[in-house]
Amino acid sequence: MRVALADDSVLLREGVARLLAEAGFEVVSQTGDARELLGQVEGLRPDVAIVDIRMPPEPDGGLRAAREIRARFPGVGVLVLSQYARPSYAFELLRDSAERTGYLLKDRVSDLHELVDAVRRVGGGGCVLDPVIVAQLVGRPRQGHDALDELSEREREVLALMAEGRSNHAIAERLVITDRTVEKHVNGIFEKLNLPPSPEDHRRVLAVLAHLRM
């Protein structure tokens, strides 16, 4: 899998490039500038672009570049890295489609397994949303009675993993339960939240996020 890497911190950029190379990825380009990244993506067409949100020339240049890559090169996956756990950034990135898209906190970069899993999932057409962001969305206070109040503790766990972009099988492995049990919980969640079920993981993520945003 071919990766373009953009971060204005040379140390972080070099560190991520080394980790990816050790994991078997081909890092085809590196840059610290959002405009240069766009040119590299256009010329090299990597499988995934890893982009820091805060990059020159604008304060949020990386986020702007990520949106432009998604619009102009839909076959290129975009994994955004950020120091900030801001759901608003995630919603802006995912507002049109969750396919081939990810939002990960930079703290995860030190965990090679987490980083490799995120890049592979995004490159394979899936969605990745940092668990910290999901926890903020699921756990934030709401006024009055909310449909989330109807969910059991296990259903909340399943919901959080769904919002991260996990498949039913991945959820089953994480919670050490059967695929059939996960399917039962997912159906229950969709019914209680009045969401249309979907076998496509990225559509499930959009449906769940739409509800959590309310």
N, C-alpha and C. Protein backbone atom coordinates (compact mmCIF):
# COMPACT_ATOMS: atom_id res chain seq x y z
N MET A 1 0.85 -1.19 0.00
CA MET A 1 0.00 0.00 0.00
C MET A 1 0.89 1.24 0.00
N ARG A 2 0.59 2.20 -0.88
CA ARG A 2 1.41 3.39 -1.06
C ARG A 2 0.81 4.57 -0.28
N VAL A 3 1.68 5.28 0.44
CA VAL A 3 1.23 6.32 1.36
C VAL A 3 1.94 7.63 1.10
N ALA A 4 1.18 8.73 1.06
CA ALA A 4 1.73 10.08 1.04
C ALA A 4 1.58 10.64 2.45
N LEU A 5 2.63 11.27 2.95
CA LEU A 5 2.65 11.70 4.35
C LEU A 5 2.88 13.20 4.44
N ALA A 6 2.02 13.90 5.17
CA ALA A 6 2.14 15.35 5.30
C ALA A 6 2.00 15.77 6.75
N ASP A 7 3.05 16.40 7.28
CA ASP A 7 3.03 16.94 8.64
C ASP A 7 4.15 17.97 8.72
N ASP A 8 3.87 19.14 9.33
CA ASP A 8 4.90 20.17 9.36
C ASP A 8 5.94 19.94 10.45
N SER A 9 5.76 18.91 11.26
CA SER A 9 6.78 18.51 12.23
C SER A 9 7.67 17.46 11.58
N VAL A 10 8.92 17.83 11.32
CA VAL A 10 9.83 16.92 10.63
C VAL A 10 10.06 15.67 11.46
N LEU A 11 10.21 15.82 12.77
CA LEU A 11 10.47 14.67 13.63
C LEU A 11 9.32 13.68 13.60
N LEU A 12 8.09 14.20 13.71
CA LEU A 12 6.92 13.31 13.68
C LEU A 12 6.80 12.66 12.30
N ARG A 13 6.99 13.45 11.27
CA ARG A 13 6.86 12.93 9.90
C ARG A 13 7.87 11.80 9.64
N GLU A 14 9.10 12.02 10.04
CA GLU A 14 10.13 11.00 9.83
C GLU A 14 9.84 9.76 10.68
N GLY A 15 9.35 9.99 11.89
CA GLY A 15 9.03 8.85 12.75
C GLY A 15 7.90 8.01 12.19
N VAL A 16 6.84 8.67 11.71
CA VAL A 16 5.71 7.93 11.12
C VAL A 16 6.15 7.20 9.86
N ALA A 17 6.98 7.86 9.05
CA ALA A 17 7.47 7.23 7.81
C ALA A 17 8.25 5.96 8.13
N ARG A 18 9.08 6.02 9.17
CA ARG A 18 9.88 4.85 9.54
C ARG A 18 8.98 3.71 10.03
N LEU A 19 7.99 4.05 10.86
CA LEU A 19 7.06 3.03 11.36
C LEU A 19 6.30 2.37 10.21
N LEU A 20 5.84 3.19 9.27
CA LEU A 20 5.08 2.64 8.15
C LEU A 20 5.96 1.74 7.27
N ALA A 21 7.19 2.18 7.04
CA ALA A 21 8.10 1.38 6.22
C ALA A 21 8.37 0.03 6.88
N GLU A 22 8.55 0.04 8.20
CA GLU A 22 8.80 -1.20 8.93
C GLU A 22 7.59 -2.13 8.86
N ALA A 23 6.40 -1.54 8.72
CA ALA A 23 5.18 -2.34 8.66
C ALA A 23 4.86 -2.81 7.24
N GLY A 24 5.71 -2.43 6.27
CA GLY A 24 5.52 -2.91 4.90
C GLY A 24 4.86 -1.94 3.96
N PHE A 25 4.59 -0.71 4.38
CA PHE A 25 4.01 0.29 3.49
C PHE A 25 5.12 0.97 2.68
N GLU A 26 4.76 1.51 1.54
CA GLU A 26 5.68 2.29 0.73
C GLU A 26 5.33 3.77 0.87
N VAL A 27 6.18 4.54 1.53
CA VAL A 27 5.96 5.98 1.69
C VAL A 27 6.49 6.66 0.43
N VAL A 28 5.58 7.11 -0.43
CA VAL A 28 5.98 7.62 -1.75
C VAL A 28 6.31 9.10 -1.72
N SER A 29 5.88 9.83 -0.68
CA SER A 29 6.20 11.26 -0.60
C SER A 29 6.04 11.74 0.83
N GLN A 30 6.78 12.83 1.14
CA GLN A 30 6.66 13.50 2.43
C GLN A 30 6.69 15.00 2.19
N THR A 31 5.92 15.74 2.98
CA THR A 31 5.92 17.19 2.87
C THR A 31 5.41 17.80 4.17
N GLY A 32 5.74 19.09 4.36
CA GLY A 32 5.21 19.83 5.49
C GLY A 32 4.27 20.93 5.07
N ASP A 33 3.84 20.90 3.81
CA ASP A 33 3.00 21.96 3.26
C ASP A 33 1.77 21.35 2.58
N ALA A 34 0.60 21.89 2.87
CA ALA A 34 -0.65 21.33 2.36
C ALA A 34 -0.75 21.43 0.83
N ARG A 35 -0.27 22.55 0.26
CA ARG A 35 -0.35 22.71 -1.19
C ARG A 35 0.57 21.71 -1.90
N GLU A 36 1.74 21.51 -1.33
CA GLU A 36 2.65 20.51 -1.91
C GLU A 36 2.02 19.12 -1.86
N LEU A 37 1.31 18.85 -0.78
CA LEU A 37 0.65 17.54 -0.66
C LEU A 37 -0.33 17.33 -1.81
N LEU A 38 -1.12 18.34 -2.13
CA LEU A 38 -2.09 18.20 -3.21
C LEU A 38 -1.40 17.87 -4.53
N GLY A 39 -0.27 18.51 -4.79
CA GLY A 39 0.47 18.21 -6.01
C GLY A 39 1.02 16.81 -6.01
N GLN A 40 1.47 16.35 -4.86
CA GLN A 40 2.01 14.99 -4.75
C GLN A 40 0.92 13.95 -4.95
N VAL A 41 -0.25 14.20 -4.36
CA VAL A 41 -1.36 13.26 -4.52
C VAL A 41 -1.80 13.20 -5.97
N GLU A 42 -1.86 14.36 -6.62
CA GLU A 42 -2.26 14.39 -8.03
C GLU A 42 -1.26 13.63 -8.91
N GLY A 43 0.02 13.79 -8.63
CA GLY A 43 1.02 13.17 -9.47
C GLY A 43 1.27 11.70 -9.17
N LEU A 44 1.17 11.33 -7.89
CA LEU A 44 1.55 9.97 -7.48
C LEU A 44 0.37 9.05 -7.22
N ARG A 45 -0.80 9.62 -6.95
CA ARG A 45 -2.01 8.86 -6.66
C ARG A 45 -1.74 7.72 -5.66
N PRO A 46 -1.39 8.07 -4.43
CA PRO A 46 -1.16 7.05 -3.40
C PRO A 46 -2.48 6.38 -3.01
N ASP A 47 -2.38 5.30 -2.29
CA ASP A 47 -3.59 4.64 -1.76
C ASP A 47 -4.17 5.43 -0.60
N VAL A 48 -3.28 6.01 0.22
CA VAL A 48 -3.70 6.75 1.41
C VAL A 48 -2.83 7.99 1.56
N ALA A 49 -3.47 9.12 1.92
CA ALA A 49 -2.75 10.33 2.31
C ALA A 49 -2.95 10.53 3.81
N ILE A 50 -1.86 10.61 4.55
CA ILE A 50 -1.92 10.87 5.99
C ILE A 50 -1.61 12.35 6.18
N VAL A 51 -2.54 13.08 6.80
CA VAL A 51 -2.48 14.54 6.80
C VAL A 51 -2.67 15.10 8.20
N ASP A 52 -1.77 15.98 8.61
CA ASP A 52 -1.94 16.72 9.86
C ASP A 52 -2.96 17.84 9.63
N ILE A 53 -3.86 18.05 10.57
CA ILE A 53 -4.89 19.08 10.41
C ILE A 53 -4.27 20.48 10.32
N ARG A 54 -3.34 20.78 11.22
CA ARG A 54 -2.76 22.13 11.27
C ARG A 54 -1.45 22.16 10.51
N MET A 55 -1.53 22.68 9.28
CA MET A 55 -0.37 22.78 8.41
C MET A 55 -0.42 24.07 7.62
N PRO A 56 0.76 24.63 7.27
CA PRO A 56 0.75 25.81 6.39
C PRO A 56 0.26 25.42 5.00
N PRO A 57 -0.22 26.40 4.22
CA PRO A 57 -0.10 27.84 4.47
C PRO A 57 -1.18 28.43 5.39
N GLU A 58 -2.34 27.77 5.55
CA GLU A 58 -3.37 28.27 6.47
C GLU A 58 -3.28 27.51 7.78
N PRO A 59 -3.84 28.06 8.88
CA PRO A 59 -3.80 27.36 10.16
C PRO A 59 -4.42 25.96 10.09
N ASP A 60 -5.49 25.82 9.30
CA ASP A 60 -6.13 24.52 9.14
C ASP A 60 -5.88 23.97 7.74
N GLY A 61 -4.68 24.24 7.21
CA GLY A 61 -4.37 23.86 5.83
C GLY A 61 -4.51 22.38 5.57
N GLY A 62 -4.17 21.56 6.56
CA GLY A 62 -4.28 20.11 6.38
C GLY A 62 -5.71 19.64 6.22
N LEU A 63 -6.61 20.23 7.02
CA LEU A 63 -8.01 19.86 6.92
C LEU A 63 -8.58 20.26 5.57
N ARG A 64 -8.20 21.45 5.09
CA ARG A 64 -8.66 21.90 3.78
C ARG A 64 -8.13 20.98 2.68
N ALA A 65 -6.86 20.60 2.80
CA ALA A 65 -6.28 19.70 1.81
C ALA A 65 -6.98 18.35 1.83
N ALA A 66 -7.30 17.87 3.02
CA ALA A 66 -7.99 16.58 3.14
C ALA A 66 -9.34 16.62 2.44
N ARG A 67 -10.09 17.71 2.62
CA ARG A 67 -11.38 17.85 1.95
C ARG A 67 -11.21 17.90 0.44
N GLU A 68 -10.17 18.61 -0.03
CA GLU A 68 -9.96 18.72 -1.47
C GLU A 68 -9.54 17.37 -2.07
N ILE A 69 -8.72 16.63 -1.35
CA ILE A 69 -8.32 15.30 -1.83
C ILE A 69 -9.55 14.41 -1.96
N ARG A 70 -10.43 14.47 -0.98
CA ARG A 70 -11.63 13.64 -1.01
C ARG A 70 -12.52 14.01 -2.19
N ALA A 71 -12.57 15.30 -2.50
CA ALA A 71 -13.42 15.76 -3.60
C ALA A 71 -12.81 15.44 -4.97
N ARG A 72 -11.51 15.64 -5.12
CA ARG A 72 -10.86 15.49 -6.42
C ARG A 72 -10.35 14.08 -6.70
N PHE A 73 -10.00 13.37 -5.65
CA PHE A 73 -9.41 12.04 -5.82
C PHE A 73 -10.11 11.04 -4.91
N PRO A 74 -11.35 10.67 -5.22
CA PRO A 74 -12.13 9.82 -4.33
C PRO A 74 -11.54 8.43 -4.10
N GLY A 75 -10.63 8.01 -4.98
CA GLY A 75 -10.00 6.71 -4.79
C GLY A 75 -8.86 6.71 -3.79
N VAL A 76 -8.47 7.90 -3.33
CA VAL A 76 -7.39 8.03 -2.36
C VAL A 76 -7.98 8.13 -0.96
N GLY A 77 -7.57 7.24 -0.07
CA GLY A 77 -8.02 7.31 1.31
C GLY A 77 -7.33 8.46 2.03
N VAL A 78 -8.02 9.06 3.00
CA VAL A 78 -7.47 10.19 3.75
C VAL A 78 -7.56 9.89 5.24
N LEU A 79 -6.40 9.85 5.89
CA LEU A 79 -6.33 9.66 7.34
C LEU A 79 -5.77 10.94 7.95
N VAL A 80 -6.62 11.66 8.69
CA VAL A 80 -6.23 12.92 9.31
C VAL A 80 -5.69 12.65 10.71
N LEU A 81 -4.54 13.26 11.02
CA LEU A 81 -3.96 13.20 12.35
C LEU A 81 -4.13 14.55 13.03
N SER A 82 -4.43 14.53 14.32
CA SER A 82 -4.64 15.78 15.03
C SER A 82 -4.23 15.65 16.49
N GLN A 83 -3.77 16.75 17.05
CA GLN A 83 -3.52 16.81 18.50
C GLN A 83 -4.81 17.07 19.26
N TYR A 84 -5.86 17.44 18.54
CA TYR A 84 -7.07 17.94 19.17
C TYR A 84 -8.24 16.97 18.99
N ALA A 85 -8.90 16.65 20.07
CA ALA A 85 -10.07 15.77 20.02
C ALA A 85 -11.31 16.64 19.82
N ARG A 86 -11.54 17.06 18.60
CA ARG A 86 -12.66 17.95 18.29
C ARG A 86 -13.66 17.26 17.37
N PRO A 87 -14.82 16.88 17.91
CA PRO A 87 -15.83 16.23 17.06
C PRO A 87 -16.21 17.06 15.85
N SER A 88 -16.13 18.40 15.95
CA SER A 88 -16.51 19.25 14.82
C SER A 88 -15.60 18.99 13.62
N TYR A 89 -14.30 18.75 13.87
CA TYR A 89 -13.39 18.41 12.78
C TYR A 89 -13.81 17.10 12.12
N ALA A 90 -14.15 16.12 12.97
CA ALA A 90 -14.54 14.81 12.44
C ALA A 90 -15.80 14.92 11.59
N PHE A 91 -16.79 15.67 12.07
CA PHE A 91 -18.03 15.82 11.32
C PHE A 91 -17.79 16.54 9.99
N GLU A 92 -16.91 17.54 10.00
CA GLU A 92 -16.63 18.25 8.75
C GLU A 92 -15.97 17.32 7.74
N LEU A 93 -15.11 16.46 8.23
CA LEU A 93 -14.41 15.53 7.34
C LEU A 93 -15.34 14.46 6.80
N LEU A 94 -16.30 14.03 7.63
CA LEU A 94 -17.16 12.90 7.28
C LEU A 94 -18.54 13.30 6.78
N ARG A 95 -18.78 14.58 6.61
CA ARG A 95 -20.15 15.04 6.39
C ARG A 95 -20.78 14.50 5.10
N ASP A 96 -19.97 14.25 4.07
CA ASP A 96 -20.51 13.75 2.81
C ASP A 96 -20.43 12.24 2.70
N SER A 97 -19.36 11.66 3.19
CA SER A 97 -19.17 10.22 3.11
C SER A 97 -18.12 9.81 4.11
N ALA A 98 -18.30 8.63 4.70
CA ALA A 98 -17.32 8.11 5.65
C ALA A 98 -16.37 7.12 4.98
N GLU A 99 -16.58 6.86 3.70
CA GLU A 99 -15.77 5.86 3.01
C GLU A 99 -14.34 6.39 2.79
N ARG A 100 -13.35 5.53 3.04
CA ARG A 100 -11.93 5.86 2.86
C ARG A 100 -11.51 7.09 3.65
N THR A 101 -12.00 7.20 4.88
CA THR A 101 -11.73 8.39 5.67
C THR A 101 -11.44 8.03 7.11
N GLY A 102 -10.50 8.74 7.72
CA GLY A 102 -10.21 8.49 9.12
C GLY A 102 -9.78 9.75 9.85
N TYR A 103 -10.01 9.75 11.15
CA TYR A 103 -9.61 10.86 12.03
C TYR A 103 -9.00 10.22 13.26
N LEU A 104 -7.70 10.43 13.45
CA LEU A 104 -6.98 9.77 14.52
C LEU A 104 -6.17 10.80 15.31
N LEU A 105 -6.16 10.66 16.63
CA LEU A 105 -5.33 11.53 17.45
C LEU A 105 -3.87 11.12 17.34
N LYS A 106 -2.98 12.10 17.43
CA LYS A 106 -1.56 11.81 17.25
C LYS A 106 -1.01 10.90 18.34
N ASP A 107 -1.69 10.85 19.48
CA ASP A 107 -1.26 9.94 20.54
C ASP A 107 -1.24 8.49 20.06
N ARG A 108 -2.09 8.17 19.07
CA ARG A 108 -2.17 6.80 18.58
C ARG A 108 -0.96 6.42 17.72
N VAL A 109 -0.25 7.42 17.23
CA VAL A 109 0.84 7.14 16.31
C VAL A 109 1.92 6.29 16.95
N SER A 110 2.11 6.45 18.26
CA SER A 110 3.14 5.67 18.96
C SER A 110 2.79 4.20 19.06
N ASP A 111 1.53 3.86 18.83
CA ASP A 111 1.10 2.46 18.85
C ASP A 111 1.10 1.95 17.41
N LEU A 112 2.11 1.18 17.05
CA LEU A 112 2.26 0.73 15.67
C LEU A 112 1.03 -0.05 15.20
N HIS A 113 0.48 -0.89 16.06
CA HIS A 113 -0.68 -1.69 15.66
C HIS A 113 -1.86 -0.80 15.33
N GLU A 114 -2.11 0.22 16.15
CA GLU A 114 -3.22 1.14 15.91
C GLU A 114 -3.02 1.89 14.60
N LEU A 115 -1.81 2.37 14.38
CA LEU A 115 -1.52 3.15 13.17
C LEU A 115 -1.68 2.28 11.92
N VAL A 116 -1.07 1.11 11.95
CA VAL A 116 -1.13 0.21 10.79
C VAL A 116 -2.57 -0.20 10.50
N ASP A 117 -3.32 -0.51 11.55
CA ASP A 117 -4.72 -0.91 11.37
C ASP A 117 -5.52 0.22 10.75
N ALA A 118 -5.29 1.46 11.22
CA ALA A 118 -6.04 2.61 10.70
C ALA A 118 -5.72 2.84 9.22
N VAL A 119 -4.43 2.79 8.85
CA VAL A 119 -4.05 3.02 7.45
C VAL A 119 -4.64 1.94 6.55
N ARG A 120 -4.58 0.70 6.98
CA ARG A 120 -5.11 -0.39 6.17
C ARG A 120 -6.62 -0.30 6.01
N ARG A 121 -7.31 0.05 7.08
CA ARG A 121 -8.77 0.16 7.00
C ARG A 121 -9.19 1.29 6.08
N VAL A 122 -8.52 2.44 6.20
CA VAL A 122 -8.85 3.58 5.33
C VAL A 122 -8.51 3.25 3.88
N GLY A 123 -7.34 2.66 3.66
CA GLY A 123 -6.94 2.31 2.30
C GLY A 123 -7.84 1.26 1.69
N GLY A 124 -8.45 0.43 2.54
CA GLY A 124 -9.35 -0.61 2.05
C GLY A 124 -10.78 -0.15 1.85
N GLY A 125 -11.04 1.15 2.06
CA GLY A 125 -12.38 1.69 1.82
C GLY A 125 -13.20 1.91 3.07
N GLY A 126 -12.61 1.63 4.24
CA GLY A 126 -13.37 1.76 5.49
C GLY A 126 -13.23 3.13 6.13
N CYS A 127 -13.75 3.21 7.36
CA CYS A 127 -13.75 4.46 8.13
C CYS A 127 -13.09 4.20 9.47
N VAL A 128 -12.32 5.18 9.94
CA VAL A 128 -11.67 5.10 11.24
C VAL A 128 -11.96 6.38 12.00
N LEU A 129 -12.50 6.25 13.20
CA LEU A 129 -12.75 7.41 14.05
C LEU A 129 -12.16 7.13 15.42
N ASP A 130 -11.34 8.05 15.91
CA ASP A 130 -10.63 7.82 17.16
C ASP A 130 -11.60 7.55 18.32
N PRO A 131 -11.28 6.54 19.14
CA PRO A 131 -12.17 6.21 20.27
C PRO A 131 -12.42 7.37 21.22
N VAL A 132 -11.46 8.28 21.36
CA VAL A 132 -11.66 9.44 22.25
C VAL A 132 -12.77 10.33 21.72
N ILE A 133 -12.81 10.54 20.40
CA ILE A 133 -13.87 11.33 19.78
C ILE A 133 -15.21 10.65 19.99
N VAL A 134 -15.24 9.34 19.76
CA VAL A 134 -16.49 8.59 19.92
C VAL A 134 -16.97 8.66 21.36
N ALA A 135 -16.06 8.54 22.32
CA ALA A 135 -16.45 8.59 23.73
C ALA A 135 -17.06 9.95 24.08
N GLN A 136 -16.51 11.02 23.49
CA GLN A 136 -17.08 12.35 23.73
C GLN A 136 -18.50 12.45 23.19
N LEU A 137 -18.73 11.87 22.02
CA LEU A 137 -20.04 11.94 21.39
C LEU A 137 -21.07 11.10 22.14
N VAL A 138 -20.67 9.88 22.50
CA VAL A 138 -21.60 8.98 23.16
C VAL A 138 -21.90 9.45 24.58
N GLY A 139 -20.88 9.99 25.25
CA GLY A 139 -21.04 10.32 26.66
C GLY A 139 -21.43 11.75 26.97
N ARG A 140 -21.53 12.59 25.95
CA ARG A 140 -21.81 14.00 26.24
C ARG A 140 -23.22 14.18 26.80
N PRO A 141 -23.41 15.16 27.71
CA PRO A 141 -24.73 15.39 28.31
C PRO A 141 -25.75 15.81 27.26
N ARG A 142 -26.96 15.35 27.44
CA ARG A 142 -28.06 15.73 26.55
C ARG A 142 -29.23 16.22 27.40
N GLN A 143 -29.98 17.13 26.84
CA GLN A 143 -31.11 17.69 27.57
C GLN A 143 -32.33 16.77 27.44
N GLY A 144 -32.98 16.53 28.56
CA GLY A 144 -34.20 15.73 28.53
C GLY A 144 -33.91 14.28 28.22
N HIS A 145 -34.98 13.56 27.88
CA HIS A 145 -34.86 12.14 27.57
C HIS A 145 -34.30 11.96 26.17
N ASP A 146 -33.37 11.03 26.03
CA ASP A 146 -32.73 10.78 24.74
C ASP A 146 -32.82 9.30 24.44
N ALA A 147 -32.88 8.97 23.15
CA ALA A 147 -32.99 7.57 22.75
C ALA A 147 -31.80 6.75 23.24
N LEU A 148 -30.65 7.40 23.40
CA LEU A 148 -29.48 6.69 23.90
C LEU A 148 -29.71 6.14 25.30
N ASP A 149 -30.62 6.78 26.05
CA ASP A 149 -30.92 6.30 27.40
C ASP A 149 -31.55 4.91 27.38
N GLU A 150 -32.12 4.53 26.25
CA GLU A 150 -32.78 3.23 26.14
C GLU A 150 -31.80 2.08 25.91
N LEU A 151 -30.56 2.42 25.56
CA LEU A 151 -29.59 1.39 25.25
C LEU A 151 -29.02 0.76 26.51
N SER A 152 -28.79 -0.54 26.43
CA SER A 152 -28.13 -1.24 27.53
C SER A 152 -26.65 -0.90 27.53
N GLU A 153 -25.95 -1.28 28.60
CA GLU A 153 -24.52 -1.00 28.67
C GLU A 153 -23.77 -1.70 27.52
N ARG A 154 -24.15 -2.93 27.21
CA ARG A 154 -23.50 -3.66 26.12
C ARG A 154 -23.81 -3.00 24.78
N GLU A 155 -25.04 -2.53 24.59
CA GLU A 155 -25.39 -1.86 23.34
C GLU A 155 -24.60 -0.57 23.18
N ARG A 156 -24.32 0.12 24.28
CA ARG A 156 -23.50 1.34 24.20
C ARG A 156 -22.07 1.00 23.77
N GLU A 157 -21.56 -0.12 24.27
CA GLU A 157 -20.23 -0.55 23.86
C GLU A 157 -20.20 -0.86 22.37
N VAL A 158 -21.22 -1.55 21.90
CA VAL A 158 -21.31 -1.89 20.48
C VAL A 158 -21.46 -0.62 19.65
N LEU A 159 -22.30 0.30 20.11
CA LEU A 159 -22.51 1.57 19.40
C LEU A 159 -21.20 2.34 19.25
N ALA A 160 -20.41 2.41 20.31
CA ALA A 160 -19.15 3.14 20.26
C ALA A 160 -18.21 2.51 19.23
N LEU A 161 -18.15 1.19 19.18
CA LEU A 161 -17.27 0.52 18.22
C LEU A 161 -17.80 0.67 16.79
N MET A 162 -19.13 0.69 16.64
CA MET A 162 -19.71 0.96 15.31
C MET A 162 -19.30 2.34 14.83
N ALA A 163 -19.37 3.33 15.74
CA ALA A 163 -19.04 4.70 15.36
C ALA A 163 -17.57 4.84 15.00
N GLU A 164 -16.71 3.97 15.56
CA GLU A 164 -15.29 3.98 15.19
C GLU A 164 -15.07 3.43 13.79
N GLY A 165 -16.10 2.77 13.23
CA GLY A 165 -15.98 2.19 11.90
C GLY A 165 -15.68 0.71 11.92
N ARG A 166 -15.88 0.05 13.07
CA ARG A 166 -15.59 -1.38 13.19
C ARG A 166 -16.70 -2.22 12.56
N SER A 167 -16.29 -3.31 11.90
CA SER A 167 -17.26 -4.26 11.36
C SER A 167 -17.83 -5.11 12.48
N ASN A 168 -18.91 -5.84 12.19
CA ASN A 168 -19.50 -6.72 13.19
C ASN A 168 -18.48 -7.74 13.70
N HIS A 169 -17.69 -8.29 12.78
CA HIS A 169 -16.71 -9.30 13.18
C HIS A 169 -15.64 -8.69 14.10
N ALA A 170 -15.19 -7.48 13.77
CA ALA A 170 -14.19 -6.81 14.60
C ALA A 170 -14.76 -6.49 15.98
N ILE A 171 -16.03 -6.09 16.02
CA ILE A 171 -16.67 -5.82 17.31
C ILE A 171 -16.75 -7.10 18.13
N ALA A 172 -17.10 -8.20 17.49
CA ALA A 172 -17.19 -9.48 18.19
C ALA A 172 -15.85 -9.87 18.80
N GLU A 173 -14.77 -9.67 18.04
CA GLU A 173 -13.44 -10.00 18.55
C GLU A 173 -13.06 -9.09 19.71
N ARG A 174 -13.39 -7.82 19.62
CA ARG A 174 -13.03 -6.86 20.67
C ARG A 174 -13.78 -7.17 21.97
N LEU A 175 -15.05 -7.52 21.86
CA LEU A 175 -15.88 -7.75 23.05
C LEU A 175 -15.92 -9.22 23.46
N VAL A 176 -15.25 -10.07 22.69
CA VAL A 176 -15.20 -11.52 22.97
C VAL A 176 -16.62 -12.10 23.03
N ILE A 177 -17.38 -11.83 21.98
CA ILE A 177 -18.72 -12.40 21.83
C ILE A 177 -18.85 -12.90 20.40
N THR A 178 -19.94 -13.57 20.09
CA THR A 178 -20.10 -14.13 18.75
C THR A 178 -20.59 -13.06 17.76
N ASP A 179 -20.35 -13.32 16.48
CA ASP A 179 -20.84 -12.42 15.43
C ASP A 179 -22.36 -12.31 15.49
N ARG A 180 -23.02 -13.42 15.78
CA ARG A 180 -24.48 -13.43 15.84
C ARG A 180 -24.99 -12.54 16.98
N THR A 181 -24.27 -12.56 18.10
CA THR A 181 -24.65 -11.70 19.23
C THR A 181 -24.49 -10.24 18.87
N VAL A 182 -23.40 -9.92 18.17
CA VAL A 182 -23.18 -8.54 17.73
C VAL A 182 -24.30 -8.10 16.80
N GLU A 183 -24.66 -8.96 15.87
CA GLU A 183 -25.74 -8.63 14.93
C GLU A 183 -27.04 -8.34 15.68
N LYS A 184 -27.30 -9.13 16.72
CA LYS A 184 -28.51 -8.91 17.52
C LYS A 184 -28.46 -7.55 18.21
N HIS A 185 -27.30 -7.20 18.77
CA HIS A 185 -27.16 -5.90 19.44
C HIS A 185 -27.30 -4.76 18.43
N VAL A 186 -26.68 -4.91 17.26
CA VAL A 186 -26.75 -3.86 16.24
C VAL A 186 -28.19 -3.62 15.80
N ASN A 187 -28.93 -4.70 15.59
CA ASN A 187 -30.33 -4.55 15.20
C ASN A 187 -31.12 -3.85 16.30
N GLY A 188 -30.80 -4.19 17.55
CA GLY A 188 -31.48 -3.53 18.67
C GLY A 188 -31.17 -2.05 18.74
N ILE A 189 -29.91 -1.70 18.46
CA ILE A 189 -29.50 -0.30 18.48
C ILE A 189 -30.23 0.48 17.39
N PHE A 190 -30.23 -0.08 16.18
CA PHE A 190 -30.90 0.61 15.07
C PHE A 190 -32.39 0.80 15.38
N GLU A 191 -33.00 -0.21 15.98
CA GLU A 191 -34.42 -0.10 16.29
C GLU A 191 -34.68 0.98 17.34
N LYS A 192 -33.88 0.99 18.40
CA LYS A 192 -34.08 1.96 19.48
C LYS A 192 -33.76 3.39 19.04
N LEU A 193 -32.79 3.54 18.14
CA LEU A 193 -32.40 4.87 17.67
C LEU A 193 -33.15 5.28 16.40
N ASN A 194 -34.01 4.38 15.91
CA ASN A 194 -34.79 4.64 14.70
C ASN A 194 -33.88 4.97 13.52
N LEU A 195 -32.87 4.12 13.33
CA LEU A 195 -31.93 4.28 12.23
C LEU A 195 -32.10 3.13 11.24
N PRO A 196 -32.05 3.42 9.95
CA PRO A 196 -32.16 2.34 8.96
C PRO A 196 -30.90 1.47 8.98
N PRO A 197 -31.04 0.15 9.10
CA PRO A 197 -29.85 -0.72 9.10
C PRO A 197 -29.18 -0.73 7.74
N SER A 198 -27.88 -1.00 7.75
CA SER A 198 -27.12 -1.07 6.50
C SER A 198 -25.98 -2.05 6.67
N PRO A 199 -25.76 -2.94 5.69
CA PRO A 199 -24.63 -3.86 5.77
C PRO A 199 -23.30 -3.20 5.47
N GLU A 200 -23.33 -1.98 4.90
CA GLU A 200 -22.10 -1.29 4.55
C GLU A 200 -21.59 -0.51 5.76
N ASP A 201 -20.35 -0.79 6.18
CA ASP A 201 -19.82 -0.21 7.40
C ASP A 201 -19.81 1.31 7.36
N HIS A 202 -19.39 1.91 6.21
CA HIS A 202 -19.28 3.37 6.18
C HIS A 202 -20.66 4.04 6.26
N ARG A 203 -21.69 3.39 5.72
CA ARG A 203 -23.05 3.94 5.83
C ARG A 203 -23.55 3.82 7.27
N ARG A 204 -23.15 2.73 7.94
CA ARG A 204 -23.52 2.57 9.35
C ARG A 204 -22.90 3.70 10.18
N VAL A 205 -21.65 4.02 9.88
CA VAL A 205 -20.98 5.08 10.63
C VAL A 205 -21.71 6.41 10.44
N LEU A 206 -22.05 6.75 9.21
CA LEU A 206 -22.76 8.00 8.96
C LEU A 206 -24.09 8.05 9.70
N ALA A 207 -24.81 6.93 9.70
CA ALA A 207 -26.10 6.89 10.39
C ALA A 207 -25.93 7.11 11.88
N VAL A 208 -24.94 6.42 12.46
CA VAL A 208 -24.70 6.55 13.90
C VAL A 208 -24.25 7.96 14.25
N LEU A 209 -23.32 8.51 13.47
CA LEU A 209 -22.83 9.86 13.75
C LEU A 209 -23.92 10.91 13.60
N ALA A 210 -24.80 10.71 12.62
CA ALA A 210 -25.91 11.64 12.44
C ALA A 210 -26.76 11.70 13.70
N HIS A 211 -26.96 10.54 14.32
CA HIS A 211 -27.77 10.53 15.53
C HIS A 211 -26.99 11.15 16.71
N LEU A 212 -25.72 10.79 16.85
CA LEU A 212 -24.93 11.31 17.96
C LEU A 212 -24.75 12.81 17.90
N ARG A 213 -24.83 13.35 16.69
CA ARG A 213 -24.64 14.80 16.53
C ARG A 213 -25.84 15.59 17.02
N MET A 214 -27.00 14.96 17.10
CA MET A 214 -28.21 15.69 17.46
C MET A 214 -28.14 16.20 18.89
